[in-house]
Protein backbone atom coordinates (compact mmCIF):
# COMPACT_ATOMS: atom_id res chain seq x y z
CA MET A 1 -9.64 22.58 -4.39
CA LEU A 2 -10.12 20.09 -0.92
CA ASP A 3 -12.54 18.35 -3.02
CA ASN A 4 -10.24 17.20 -5.45
CA PHE A 5 -8.78 14.84 -3.14
CA VAL A 6 -11.79 13.95 -0.46
CA GLN A 7 -15.06 12.79 -0.86
CA LYS A 8 -17.75 13.83 1.79
CA ASP A 9 -20.40 11.29 2.42
CA THR A 10 -23.39 12.53 4.29
CA LYS A 11 -25.24 9.87 3.44
CA ASN A 12 -22.64 6.86 4.10
CA PRO A 13 -21.08 7.09 7.26
CA ILE A 14 -17.20 6.44 7.41
CA LEU A 15 -17.03 2.77 8.53
CA MET A 16 -13.70 1.56 7.77
CA LYS A 17 -11.33 4.29 9.51
CA ILE A 18 -9.12 5.10 6.80
CA GLY A 19 -7.99 8.11 8.47
CA SER A 20 -7.07 6.28 11.63
CA ALA A 21 -5.14 3.84 9.98
CA ILE A 22 -3.53 6.51 7.82
CA LYS A 23 -2.31 8.76 11.29
CA SER A 24 -1.41 5.29 13.18
CA ILE A 25 1.02 4.26 10.16
CA ARG A 26 2.56 7.82 10.42
CA LYS A 27 3.15 7.80 13.75
CA LYS A 28 4.77 4.75 14.12
CA ILE A 29 7.01 5.71 10.99
CA GLY A 30 7.43 8.54 13.06
CA VAL A 31 6.54 11.60 9.91
CA PRO A 32 4.78 14.48 11.00
CA GLN A 33 1.53 15.87 9.84
CA TRP A 34 2.37 18.30 8.39
CA GLU A 35 5.45 16.50 6.30
CA LEU A 36 3.31 13.58 5.05
CA ALA A 37 0.69 16.62 3.98
CA ASP A 38 3.25 18.29 1.61
CA LYS A 39 4.38 15.32 0.53
CA CYS A 40 0.78 14.65 -0.82
CA GLY A 41 0.27 17.77 -1.51
CA LEU A 42 -2.37 18.44 0.53
CA SER A 43 -2.76 20.82 3.36
CA GLN A 44 -2.46 20.30 7.07
CA THR A 45 -5.65 20.82 7.70
CA SER A 46 -7.18 18.37 4.83
CA MET A 47 -4.60 15.68 6.29
CA SER A 48 -5.88 16.07 9.78
CA GLN A 49 -9.55 15.89 8.67
CA ILE A 50 -8.65 12.54 6.93
CA GLU A 51 -6.58 11.48 10.15
CA ASN A 52 -9.68 12.09 12.27
CA ASN A 53 -11.72 10.45 9.58
CA ILE A 54 -14.10 13.66 8.78
CA LYS A 55 -13.10 13.39 5.38
CA ARG A 56 -12.83 10.05 3.21
CA PRO A 57 -9.95 10.27 1.04
CA HIS A 58 -9.95 9.38 -2.66
CA SER A 59 -8.54 6.15 -4.18
CA LYS A 60 -5.79 8.58 -5.77
CA THR A 61 -5.17 10.41 -2.45
CA ILE A 62 -4.50 7.21 -0.81
CA ALA A 63 -2.41 5.77 -3.13
CA LYS A 64 -0.21 8.92 -2.32
CA ILE A 65 -0.40 8.79 1.31
CA CYS A 66 0.67 5.04 0.73
CA GLU A 67 3.92 6.16 -1.95
CA ALA A 68 5.11 8.64 0.93
CA LEU A 69 4.96 6.79 3.64
CA GLU A 70 6.86 3.70 1.15
CA ILE A 71 3.77 1.40 1.93
CA PRO A 72 1.44 -0.58 -0.06
CA GLU A 73 -2.15 0.23 -0.01
CA SER A 74 -3.58 -2.94 1.47
CA ILE A 75 -2.02 -2.10 4.56
CA ILE A 76 -3.97 0.97 5.21
CA TYR A 77 -7.59 -1.26 4.46
CA ILE A 78 -6.46 -4.20 6.77
CA ILE A 79 -5.18 -1.60 9.55
CA ALA A 80 -8.78 0.22 8.77
CA MET A 81 -10.60 -2.59 9.13
CA GLU A 82 -12.96 -2.96 11.89
CA ASP A 83 -15.53 -5.40 13.46
CA VAL A 84 -18.51 -3.42 12.12
CA ASP A 85 -16.88 -3.52 8.42
CA VAL A 86 -17.41 -7.57 8.41
CA PRO A 87 -21.03 -8.74 7.07
CA SER A 88 -22.69 -10.66 10.08
CA ASN A 89 -21.83 -14.29 8.07
CA LYS A 90 -18.25 -14.00 8.31
CA LYS A 91 -17.79 -12.52 11.88
CA ASN A 92 -16.59 -15.68 13.15
CA THR A 93 -13.72 -16.18 10.28
CA TYR A 94 -12.97 -12.70 10.86
CA ASN A 95 -12.60 -12.80 14.51
CA LEU A 96 -10.18 -15.60 14.52
CA VAL A 97 -8.08 -14.70 11.55
CA TYR A 98 -8.05 -10.43 11.87
CA PRO A 99 -6.37 -10.40 15.10
CA SER A 100 -2.75 -12.05 13.56
CA ILE A 101 -3.89 -10.33 10.23
CA LYS A 102 -3.24 -6.85 11.32
CA SER A 103 -0.45 -7.67 14.10
CA LEU A 104 1.36 -9.44 10.89
CA ALA A 105 0.63 -5.97 8.79
CA LEU A 106 1.49 -3.32 11.63
CA GLN A 107 4.88 -5.77 11.79
CA LEU A 108 5.80 -4.91 7.79
CA VAL A 109 5.51 -1.14 8.75
CA LYS A 110 7.58 -1.33 11.00
CA LYS A 111 10.28 -3.56 9.17
CA GLU A 112 9.84 -1.60 6.27
CA HIS A 113 11.00 1.20 8.08
CA MET A 114 13.47 0.19 10.46
CA ASP A 115 16.04 1.78 8.55
CA LEU A 116 15.15 4.99 9.52
CA VAL A 117 14.12 4.33 12.87
CA GLU A 118 17.69 3.03 13.31
CA THR A 119 19.51 5.86 12.41
CA GLU A 120 17.53 8.34 14.65
CA GLU A 121 18.79 6.51 17.22
């Protein structure tokens, strides 16, 4: 069953840390891991493996996670991007632009869920 939701790629290491991005956003929004897993039809173990970059989620699983977190998929990919994911001939542009883009993406996550934060206080 787990194989329907995640890919295990032993030949190509995971470069984009999609799981770390999911974990960061989930924590920022304040959703417990078990709750996100439940909304996505995953076990908490599977969600933990995804968040810890042990397993790479299929695109359908990423879509389910984004739907549950109420964020666009592009936000996950922006936050997950790292220097090693960028071709060497694009590093200068990446270093110039990426910090601002990532900051904006994190602000969008925060703004989209501001009503959740305000009702909890």
